[in-house]
């Protein structure tokens, strides 16, 4: 095998390896935030209205806890 053939074989092998690696399954490591996590992040930021988001989340939590207590009382638990 002369030098030119060796170079062609190496280039072909490199092209095949590149092509095969491009076809590999790519796994997504990006984690998306829930709506609650996004709202909490906005509430902690210094943007205008951020504190209102925090208060709204607290009120929502309070209402959910109150509803849970009422449901437990009504079901006799």
C-alpha atoms as a PDB file:
ATOM      1  CA  UNK A   1       0.000   0.000   0.000  1.00  0.00           C
ATOM      2  CA  UNK A   2       1.477   3.334  -0.973  1.00  0.00           C
ATOM      3  CA  UNK A   3       1.236   6.546   1.016  1.00  0.00           C
ATOM      4  CA  UNK A   4      -1.672   7.910  -0.990  1.00  0.00           C
ATOM      5  CA  UNK A   5      -3.785   4.787  -0.365  1.00  0.00           C
ATOM      6  CA  UNK A   6      -3.004   4.889   3.347  1.00  0.00           C
ATOM      7  CA  UNK A   7      -4.114   8.502   3.540  1.00  0.00           C
ATOM      8  CA  UNK A   8      -7.348   7.679   1.709  1.00  0.00           C
ATOM      9  CA  UNK A   9      -8.033   4.740   4.045  1.00  0.00           C
ATOM     10  CA  UNK A  10      -7.417   6.929   7.106  1.00  0.00           C
ATOM     11  CA  UNK A  11      -9.665   9.688   5.753  1.00  0.00           C
ATOM     12  CA  UNK A  12     -12.394   7.156   4.990  1.00  0.00           C
ATOM     13  CA  UNK A  13     -12.115   5.693   8.502  1.00  0.00           C
ATOM     14  CA  UNK A  14     -12.282   9.163  10.051  1.00  0.00           C
ATOM     15  CA  UNK A  15     -15.326  10.044   7.958  1.00  0.00           C
ATOM     16  CA  UNK A  16     -17.074   6.826   8.991  1.00  0.00           C
ATOM     17  CA  UNK A  17     -16.315   7.416  12.671  1.00  0.00           C
ATOM     18  CA  UNK A  18     -17.618  10.974  12.452  1.00  0.00           C
ATOM     19  CA  UNK A  19     -20.760   9.855  10.664  1.00  0.00           C
ATOM     20  CA  UNK A  20     -21.473   7.102  13.145  1.00  0.00           C
ATOM     21  CA  UNK A  21     -20.953   9.356  16.143  1.00  0.00           C
ATOM     22  CA  UNK A  22     -23.402  11.861  14.678  1.00  0.00           C
ATOM     23  CA  UNK A  23     -26.045   9.126  14.513  1.00  0.00           C
ATOM     24  CA  UNK A  24     -25.659   8.213  18.192  1.00  0.00           C
ATOM     25  CA  UNK A  25     -28.635   8.816  20.421  1.00  0.00           C
ATOM     26  CA  UNK A  26     -28.232  12.093  22.216  1.00  0.00           C
ATOM     27  CA  UNK A  27     -29.605  12.226  25.731  1.00  0.00           C
ATOM     28  CA  UNK A  28     -31.114  15.404  27.009  1.00  0.00           C
ATOM     29  CA  UNK A  29     -29.714  16.518  30.340  1.00  0.00           C
ATOM     30  CA  UNK A  30     -31.775  19.688  30.405  1.00  0.00           C
ATOM     31  CA  UNK A  31     -34.157  19.749  33.332  1.00  0.00           C
ATOM     32  CA  UNK A  32     -37.241  21.887  32.985  1.00  0.00           C
ATOM     33  CA  UNK A  33     -38.618  23.721  35.979  1.00  0.00           C
ATOM     34  CA  UNK A  34     -42.162  23.273  37.215  1.00  0.00           C
ATOM     35  CA  UNK A  35     -44.464  26.270  37.289  1.00  0.00           C
ATOM     36  CA  UNK A  36     -44.082  26.421  41.078  1.00  0.00           C
ATOM     37  CA  UNK A  37     -40.268  26.470  40.797  1.00  0.00           C
ATOM     38  CA  UNK A  38     -40.373  29.224  38.170  1.00  0.00           C
ATOM     39  CA  UNK A  39     -42.733  31.311  40.302  1.00  0.00           C
ATOM     40  CA  UNK A  40     -40.573  30.807  43.369  1.00  0.00           C
ATOM     41  CA  UNK A  41     -37.520  31.956  41.431  1.00  0.00           C
ATOM     42  CA  UNK A  42     -39.373  35.053  40.231  1.00  0.00           C
ATOM     43  CA  UNK A  43     -40.474  35.792  43.793  1.00  0.00           C
ATOM     44  CA  UNK A  44     -36.887  35.687  45.045  1.00  0.00           C
ATOM     45  CA  UNK A  45     -35.630  37.985  42.307  1.00  0.00           C
ATOM     46  CA  UNK A  46     -35.428  41.761  42.523  1.00  0.00           C
ATOM     47  CA  UNK A  47     -37.711  42.402  39.574  1.00  0.00           C
ATOM     48  CA  UNK A  48     -40.748  44.660  40.127  1.00  0.00           C
ATOM     49  CA  UNK A  49     -43.651  42.600  41.442  1.00  0.00           C
ATOM     50  CA  UNK A  50     -41.455  39.734  42.632  1.00  0.00           C
ATOM     51  CA  UNK A  51     -42.627  40.105  46.217  1.00  0.00           C
ATOM     52  CA  UNK A  52     -46.257  39.885  45.041  1.00  0.00           C
ATOM     53  CA  UNK A  53     -45.481  36.517  43.469  1.00  0.00           C
ATOM     54  CA  UNK A  54     -44.085  35.301  46.793  1.00  0.00           C
ATOM     55  CA  UNK A  55     -47.198  36.492  48.659  1.00  0.00           C
ATOM     56  CA  UNK A  56     -49.449  34.824  46.097  1.00  0.00           C
ATOM     57  CA  UNK A  57     -47.604  31.531  46.560  1.00  0.00           C
ATOM     58  CA  UNK A  58     -47.954  31.820  50.355  1.00  0.00           C
ATOM     59  CA  UNK A  59     -51.686  32.521  50.047  1.00  0.00           C
ATOM     60  CA  UNK A  60     -52.083  29.567  47.703  1.00  0.00           C
ATOM     61  CA  UNK A  61     -50.296  27.313  50.189  1.00  0.00           C
ATOM     62  CA  UNK A  62     -52.462  28.624  53.006  1.00  0.00           C
ATOM     63  CA  UNK A  63     -55.673  28.011  51.069  1.00  0.00           C
ATOM     64  CA  UNK A  64     -54.567  24.491  50.150  1.00  0.00           C
ATOM     65  CA  UNK A  65     -53.757  23.699  53.796  1.00  0.00           C
ATOM     66  CA  UNK A  66     -57.120  25.091  54.918  1.00  0.00           C
ATOM     67  CA  UNK A  67     -58.935  22.979  52.327  1.00  0.00           C
ATOM     68  CA  UNK A  68     -56.998  19.900  53.398  1.00  0.00           C
ATOM     69  CA  UNK A  69     -57.960  20.493  57.064  1.00  0.00           C
ATOM     70  CA  UNK A  70     -61.615  20.984  56.152  1.00  0.00           C
ATOM     71  CA  UNK A  71     -61.658  17.806  54.068  1.00  0.00           C
ATOM     72  CA  UNK A  72     -60.056  15.822  56.889  1.00  0.00           C
ATOM     73  CA  UNK A  73     -62.591  17.170  59.392  1.00  0.00           C
ATOM     74  CA  UNK A  74     -65.492  16.364  57.071  1.00  0.00           C
ATOM     75  CA  UNK A  75     -64.296  12.803  56.451  1.00  0.00           C
ATOM     76  CA  UNK A  76     -63.711  12.195  60.187  1.00  0.00           C
ATOM     77  CA  UNK A  77     -60.002  11.482  60.051  1.00  0.00           C
END
